[in-house]
Amino acid sequence: EDGRGIYWPNGLDFCADFLKRSSF
């Protein structure tokens, strides 16, 4: 809800900072 990351129903999540560093 606050945009701090993404998640799936099983609880796996990735924070926004990690996503930004891991993307192109």
PDB file of all heavy atoms in Angstrom:
ATOM      1  N   GLU A   1       0.806  -1.214   0.000  1.00  0.00           N
ATOM      2  CA  GLU A   1       0.000   0.000   0.000  1.00  0.00           C
ATOM      3  C   GLU A   1       0.846   1.275   0.000  1.00  0.00           C
ATOM      4  O   GLU A   1       0.524   2.247  -0.672  1.00  0.00           O
ATOM      5  CB  GLU A   1      -0.937   0.010   1.216  1.00  0.00           C
ATOM      6  CG  GLU A   1      -1.936   1.134   1.191  1.00  0.00           C
ATOM      7  CD  GLU A   1      -2.950   1.010   2.310  1.00  0.00           C
ATOM      8  OE1 GLU A   1      -3.484  -0.088   2.517  1.00  0.00           O
ATOM      9  OE2 GLU A   1      -3.190   2.029   2.966  1.00  0.00           O
ATOM     10  N   ASP A   2       1.938   1.286   0.716  1.00  0.00           N
ATOM     11  CA  ASP A   2       2.770   2.489   0.773  1.00  0.00           C
ATOM     12  C   ASP A   2       3.864   2.511  -0.294  1.00  0.00           C
ATOM     13  O   ASP A   2       4.705   3.400  -0.314  1.00  0.00           O
ATOM     14  CB  ASP A   2       3.394   2.634   2.159  1.00  0.00           C
ATOM     15  CG  ASP A   2       4.343   1.497   2.502  1.00  0.00           C
ATOM     16  OD1 ASP A   2       4.511   0.564   1.682  1.00  0.00           O
ATOM     17  OD2 ASP A   2       4.933   1.541   3.587  1.00  0.00           O
ATOM     18  N   GLY A   3       3.857   1.502  -1.198  1.00  0.00           N
ATOM     19  CA  GLY A   3       4.817   1.460  -2.292  1.00  0.00           C
ATOM     20  C   GLY A   3       6.213   1.015  -1.901  1.00  0.00           C
ATOM     21  O   GLY A   3       7.138   1.097  -2.695  1.00  0.00           O
ATOM     22  N   ARG A   4       6.354   0.497  -0.694  1.00  0.00           N
ATOM     23  CA  ARG A   4       7.696   0.135  -0.237  1.00  0.00           C
ATOM     24  C   ARG A   4       8.244  -1.142  -0.873  1.00  0.00           C
ATOM     25  O   ARG A   4       9.380  -1.508  -0.658  1.00  0.00           O
ATOM     26  CB  ARG A   4       7.757   0.048   1.276  1.00  0.00           C
ATOM     27  CG  ARG A   4       7.078  -1.144   1.879  1.00  0.00           C
ATOM     28  CD  ARG A   4       7.146  -1.089   3.407  1.00  0.00           C
ATOM     29  NE  ARG A   4       6.937  -2.366   4.030  1.00  0.00           N
ATOM     30  CZ  ARG A   4       5.763  -2.954   4.217  1.00  0.00           C
ATOM     31  NH1 ARG A   4       4.676  -2.357   3.783  1.00  0.00           N
ATOM     32  NH2 ARG A   4       5.671  -4.122   4.805  1.00  0.00           N
ATOM     33  N   GLY A   5       7.427  -1.815  -1.685  1.00  0.00           N
ATOM     34  CA  GLY A   5       7.884  -3.023  -2.363  1.00  0.00           C
ATOM     35  C   GLY A   5       6.729  -3.765  -3.005  1.00  0.00           C
ATOM     36  O   GLY A   5       5.621  -3.243  -3.113  1.00  0.00           O
ATOM     37  N   ILE A   6       7.036  -4.997  -3.434  1.00  0.00           N
ATOM     38  CA  ILE A   6       6.017  -5.861  -4.036  1.00  0.00           C
ATOM     39  C   ILE A   6       5.980  -7.169  -3.259  1.00  0.00           C
ATOM     40  O   ILE A   6       6.940  -7.512  -2.563  1.00  0.00           O
ATOM     41  CB  ILE A   6       6.304  -6.135  -5.528  1.00  0.00           C
ATOM     42  CG1 ILE A   6       7.654  -6.833  -5.712  1.00  0.00           C
ATOM     43  CG2 ILE A   6       6.216  -4.842  -6.326  1.00  0.00           C
ATOM     44  CD1 ILE A   6       7.916  -7.353  -7.120  1.00  0.00           C
ATOM     45  N   TYR A   7       4.870  -7.902  -3.393  1.00  0.00           N
ATOM     46  CA  TYR A   7       4.730  -9.161  -2.655  1.00  0.00           C
ATOM     47  C   TYR A   7       3.789 -10.105  -3.389  1.00  0.00           C
ATOM     48  O   TYR A   7       3.014  -9.696  -4.244  1.00  0.00           O
ATOM     49  CB  TYR A   7       4.220  -8.906  -1.240  1.00  0.00           C
ATOM     50  CG  TYR A   7       2.807  -8.376  -1.189  1.00  0.00           C
ATOM     51  CD1 TYR A   7       1.727  -9.238  -1.001  1.00  0.00           C
ATOM     52  CD2 TYR A   7       2.542  -7.020  -1.360  1.00  0.00           C
ATOM     53  CE1 TYR A   7       0.427  -8.762  -0.971  1.00  0.00           C
ATOM     54  CE2 TYR A   7       1.245  -6.537  -1.331  1.00  0.00           C
ATOM     55  CZ  TYR A   7       0.197  -7.408  -1.131  1.00  0.00           C
ATOM     56  OH  TYR A   7      -1.089  -6.943  -1.107  1.00  0.00           O
ATOM     57  N   TRP A   8       3.880 -11.375  -3.006  1.00  0.00           N
ATOM     58  CA  TRP A   8       2.987 -12.421  -3.498  1.00  0.00           C
ATOM     59  C   TRP A   8       2.236 -13.005  -2.306  1.00  0.00           C
ATOM     60  O   TRP A   8       2.642 -12.824  -1.157  1.00  0.00           O
ATOM     61  CB  TRP A   8       3.790 -13.508  -4.211  1.00  0.00           C
ATOM     62  CG  TRP A   8       4.205 -13.119  -5.591  1.00  0.00           C
ATOM     63  CD1 TRP A   8       3.529 -13.358  -6.759  1.00  0.00           C
ATOM     64  CD2 TRP A   8       5.388 -12.412  -5.976  1.00  0.00           C
ATOM     65  NE1 TRP A   8       4.214 -12.844  -7.833  1.00  0.00           N
ATOM     66  CE2 TRP A   8       5.369 -12.258  -7.377  1.00  0.00           C
ATOM     67  CE3 TRP A   8       6.479 -11.879  -5.274  1.00  0.00           C
ATOM     68  CZ2 TRP A   8       6.368 -11.615  -8.076  1.00  0.00           C
ATOM     69  CZ3 TRP A   8       7.477 -11.231  -5.977  1.00  0.00           C
ATOM     70  CH2 TRP A   8       7.420 -11.107  -7.362  1.00  0.00           C
ATOM     71  N   PRO A   9       1.146 -13.734  -2.556  1.00  0.00           N
ATOM     72  CA  PRO A   9       0.322 -14.269  -1.469  1.00  0.00           C
ATOM     73  C   PRO A   9       1.078 -15.145  -0.456  1.00  0.00           C
ATOM     74  O   PRO A   9       0.676 -15.221   0.702  1.00  0.00           O
ATOM     75  CB  PRO A   9      -0.755 -15.093  -2.193  1.00  0.00           C
ATOM     76  CG  PRO A   9      -0.862 -14.471  -3.537  1.00  0.00           C
ATOM     77  CD  PRO A   9       0.530 -14.010  -3.870  1.00  0.00           C
ATOM     78  N   ASN A  10       2.168 -15.780  -0.866  1.00  0.00           N
ATOM     79  CA  ASN A  10       2.893 -16.650   0.057  1.00  0.00           C
ATOM     80  C   ASN A  10       3.857 -15.893   0.964  1.00  0.00           C
ATOM     81  O   ASN A  10       4.554 -16.485   1.769  1.00  0.00           O
ATOM     82  CB  ASN A  10       3.653 -17.749  -0.697  1.00  0.00           C
ATOM     83  CG  ASN A  10       4.795 -17.220  -1.543  1.00  0.00           C
ATOM     84  OD1 ASN A  10       4.962 -16.017  -1.717  1.00  0.00           O
ATOM     85  ND2 ASN A  10       5.580 -18.136  -2.085  1.00  0.00           N
ATOM     86  N   GLY A  11       3.904 -14.563   0.834  1.00  0.00           N
ATOM     87  CA  GLY A  11       4.756 -13.756   1.702  1.00  0.00           C
ATOM     88  C   GLY A  11       6.098 -13.356   1.095  1.00  0.00           C
ATOM     89  O   GLY A  11       6.816 -12.549   1.678  1.00  0.00           O
ATOM     90  N   LEU A  12       6.444 -13.903  -0.060  1.00  0.00           N
ATOM     91  CA  LEU A  12       7.688 -13.501  -0.709  1.00  0.00           C
ATOM     92  C   LEU A  12       7.557 -12.044  -1.124  1.00  0.00           C
ATOM     93  O   LEU A  12       6.554 -11.644  -1.723  1.00  0.00           O
ATOM     94  CB  LEU A  12       7.969 -14.363  -1.938  1.00  0.00           C
ATOM     95  CG  LEU A  12       9.249 -14.013  -2.708  1.00  0.00           C
ATOM     96  CD1 LEU A  12      10.489 -14.258  -1.845  1.00  0.00           C
ATOM     97  CD2 LEU A  12       9.339 -14.803  -3.988  1.00  0.00           C
ATOM     98  N   ASP A  13       8.561 -11.257  -0.766  1.00  0.00           N
ATOM     99  CA  ASP A  13       8.512  -9.856  -1.149  1.00  0.00           C
ATOM    100  C   ASP A  13       9.897  -9.325  -1.482  1.00  0.00           C
ATOM    101  O   ASP A  13      10.910  -9.941  -1.163  1.00  0.00           O
ATOM    102  CB  ASP A  13       7.840  -9.005  -0.071  1.00  0.00           C
ATOM    103  CG  ASP A  13       8.602  -8.980   1.250  1.00  0.00           C
ATOM    104  OD1 ASP A  13       9.623  -9.680   1.394  1.00  0.00           O
ATOM    105  OD2 ASP A  13       8.172  -8.237   2.148  1.00  0.00           O
ATOM    106  N   PHE A  14       9.894  -8.187  -2.172  1.00  0.00           N
ATOM    107  CA  PHE A  14      11.115  -7.485  -2.548  1.00  0.00           C
ATOM    108  C   PHE A  14      10.889  -6.013  -2.242  1.00  0.00           C
ATOM    109  O   PHE A  14       9.860  -5.446  -2.630  1.00  0.00           O
ATOM    110  CB  PHE A  14      11.406  -7.637  -4.046  1.00  0.00           C
ATOM    111  CG  PHE A  14      11.770  -9.033  -4.463  1.00  0.00           C
ATOM    112  CD1 PHE A  14      10.788  -9.922  -4.872  1.00  0.00           C
ATOM    113  CD2 PHE A  14      13.091  -9.457  -4.448  1.00  0.00           C
ATOM    114  CE1 PHE A  14      11.118 -11.209  -5.268  1.00  0.00           C
ATOM    115  CE2 PHE A  14      13.428 -10.740  -4.844  1.00  0.00           C
ATOM    116  CZ  PHE A  14      12.442 -11.623  -5.248  1.00  0.00           C
ATOM    117  N   CYS A  15      11.843  -5.387  -1.564  1.00  0.00           N
ATOM    118  CA  CYS A  15      11.700  -3.964  -1.240  1.00  0.00           C
ATOM    119  C   CYS A  15      12.022  -3.112  -2.463  1.00  0.00           C
ATOM    120  O   CYS A  15      12.734  -3.535  -3.376  1.00  0.00           O
ATOM    121  CB  CYS A  15      12.574  -3.577  -0.055  1.00  0.00           C
ATOM    122  SG  CYS A  15      14.324  -3.451  -0.418  1.00  0.00           S
ATOM    123  N   ALA A  16      11.488  -1.899  -2.474  1.00  0.00           N
ATOM    124  CA  ALA A  16      11.642  -0.993  -3.615  1.00  0.00           C
ATOM    125  C   ALA A  16      13.106  -0.664  -3.892  1.00  0.00           C
ATOM    126  O   ALA A  16      13.515  -0.582  -5.055  1.00  0.00           O
ATOM    127  CB  ALA A  16      10.846   0.284  -3.375  1.00  0.00           C
ATOM    128  N   ASP A  17      13.915  -0.481  -2.864  1.00  0.00           N
ATOM    129  CA  ASP A  17      15.331  -0.162  -3.073  1.00  0.00           C
ATOM    130  C   ASP A  17      16.053  -1.295  -3.786  1.00  0.00           C
ATOM    131  O   ASP A  17      16.845  -1.072  -4.697  1.00  0.00           O
ATOM    132  CB  ASP A  17      16.024   0.159  -1.744  1.00  0.00           C
ATOM    133  CG  ASP A  17      15.541   1.466  -1.143  1.00  0.00           C
ATOM    134  OD1 ASP A  17      15.193   2.387  -1.904  1.00  0.00           O
ATOM    135  OD2 ASP A  17      15.505   1.555   0.094  1.00  0.00           O
ATOM    136  N   PHE A  18      15.773  -2.533  -3.383  1.00  0.00           N
ATOM    137  CA  PHE A  18      16.376  -3.691  -4.046  1.00  0.00           C
ATOM    138  C   PHE A  18      15.922  -3.769  -5.503  1.00  0.00           C
ATOM    139  O   PHE A  18      16.729  -4.013  -6.402  1.00  0.00           O
ATOM    140  CB  PHE A  18      16.010  -4.983  -3.306  1.00  0.00           C
ATOM    141  CG  PHE A  18      16.486  -6.214  -4.006  1.00  0.00           C
ATOM    142  CD1 PHE A  18      17.799  -6.639  -3.866  1.00  0.00           C
ATOM    143  CD2 PHE A  18      15.633  -6.950  -4.816  1.00  0.00           C
ATOM    144  CE1 PHE A  18      18.252  -7.778  -4.526  1.00  0.00           C
ATOM    145  CE2 PHE A  18      16.070  -8.082  -5.478  1.00  0.00           C
ATOM    146  CZ  PHE A  18      17.386  -8.500  -5.321  1.00  0.00           C
ATOM    147  N   LEU A  19      14.643  -3.546  -5.738  1.00  0.00           N
ATOM    148  CA  LEU A  19      14.107  -3.597  -7.094  1.00  0.00           C
ATOM    149  C   LEU A  19      14.772  -2.549  -7.977  1.00  0.00           C
ATOM    150  O   LEU A  19      15.120  -2.820  -9.119  1.00  0.00           O
ATOM    151  CB  LEU A  19      12.591  -3.398  -7.080  1.00  0.00           C
ATOM    152  CG  LEU A  19      11.790  -4.503  -6.393  1.00  0.00           C
ATOM    153  CD1 LEU A  19      10.355  -4.050  -6.182  1.00  0.00           C
ATOM    154  CD2 LEU A  19      11.864  -5.800  -7.173  1.00  0.00           C
ATOM    155  N   LYS A  20      14.949  -1.364  -7.445  1.00  0.00           N
ATOM    156  CA  LYS A  20      15.577  -0.283  -8.214  1.00  0.00           C
ATOM    157  C   LYS A  20      17.015  -0.652  -8.585  1.00  0.00           C
ATOM    158  O   LYS A  20      17.447  -0.453  -9.709  1.00  0.00           O
ATOM    159  CB  LYS A  20      15.538   1.000  -7.391  1.00  0.00           C
ATOM    160  CG  LYS A  20      16.147   2.196  -8.055  1.00  0.00           C
ATOM    161  CD  LYS A  20      15.241   2.774  -9.088  1.00  0.00           C
ATOM    162  CE  LYS A  20      15.833   4.108  -9.541  1.00  0.00           C
ATOM    163  NZ  LYS A  20      15.053   4.732 -10.547  1.00  0.00           N
ATOM    164  N   ARG A  21      17.763  -1.222  -7.646  1.00  0.00           N
ATOM    165  CA  ARG A  21      19.159  -1.610  -7.905  1.00  0.00           C
ATOM    166  C   ARG A  21      19.271  -2.812  -8.826  1.00  0.00           C
ATOM    167  O   ARG A  21      20.274  -2.968  -9.521  1.00  0.00           O
ATOM    168  CB  ARG A  21      19.880  -1.916  -6.588  1.00  0.00           C
ATOM    169  CG  ARG A  21      20.190  -0.696  -5.769  1.00  0.00           C
ATOM    170  CD  ARG A  21      21.126  -1.012  -4.624  1.00  0.00           C
ATOM    171  NE  ARG A  21      20.701  -2.137  -3.811  1.00  0.00           N
ATOM    172  CZ  ARG A  21      19.952  -2.057  -2.719  1.00  0.00           C
ATOM    173  NH1 ARG A  21      19.530  -0.889  -2.303  1.00  0.00           N
ATOM    174  NH2 ARG A  21      19.629  -3.135  -2.045  1.00  0.00           N
ATOM    175  N   SER A  22      18.267  -3.678  -8.856  1.00  0.00           N
ATOM    176  CA  SER A  22      18.322  -4.922  -9.627  1.00  0.00           C
ATOM    177  C   SER A  22      17.751  -4.801 -11.030  1.00  0.00           C
ATOM    178  O   SER A  22      17.793  -5.753 -11.798  1.00  0.00           O
ATOM    179  CB  SER A  22      17.555  -6.027  -8.893  1.00  0.00           C
ATOM    180  OG  SER A  22      18.132  -6.260  -7.641  1.00  0.00           O
ATOM    181  N   SER A  23      17.230  -3.663 -11.367  1.00  0.00           N
ATOM    182  CA  SER A  23      16.553  -3.500 -12.645  1.00  0.00           C
ATOM    183  C   SER A  23      17.436  -2.774 -13.644  1.00  0.00           C
ATOM    184  O   SER A  23      18.478  -2.244 -13.303  1.00  0.00           O
ATOM    185  CB  SER A  23      15.257  -2.722 -12.438  1.00  0.00           C
ATOM    186  OG  SER A  23      15.531  -1.439 -11.915  1.00  0.00           O
ATOM    187  N   PHE A  24      16.972  -2.773 -14.884  1.00  0.00           N
ATOM    188  CA  PHE A  24      17.648  -1.969 -15.888  1.00  0.00           C
ATOM    189  C   PHE A  24      16.695  -0.880 -16.335  1.00  0.00           C
ATOM    190  O   PHE A  24      15.500  -1.088 -16.465  1.00  0.00           O
ATOM    191  CB  PHE A  24      18.157  -2.807 -17.067  1.00  0.00           C
ATOM    192  CG  PHE A  24      17.095  -3.493 -17.877  1.00  0.00           C
ATOM    193  CD1 PHE A  24      16.499  -2.866 -18.953  1.00  0.00           C
ATOM    194  CD2 PHE A  24      16.692  -4.791 -17.559  1.00  0.00           C
ATOM    195  CE1 PHE A  24      15.525  -3.503 -19.703  1.00  0.00           C
ATOM    196  CE2 PHE A  24      15.711  -5.437 -18.307  1.00  0.00           C
ATOM    197  CZ  PHE A  24      15.130  -4.788 -19.378  1.00  0.00           C
TER     198      PHE A  24
END
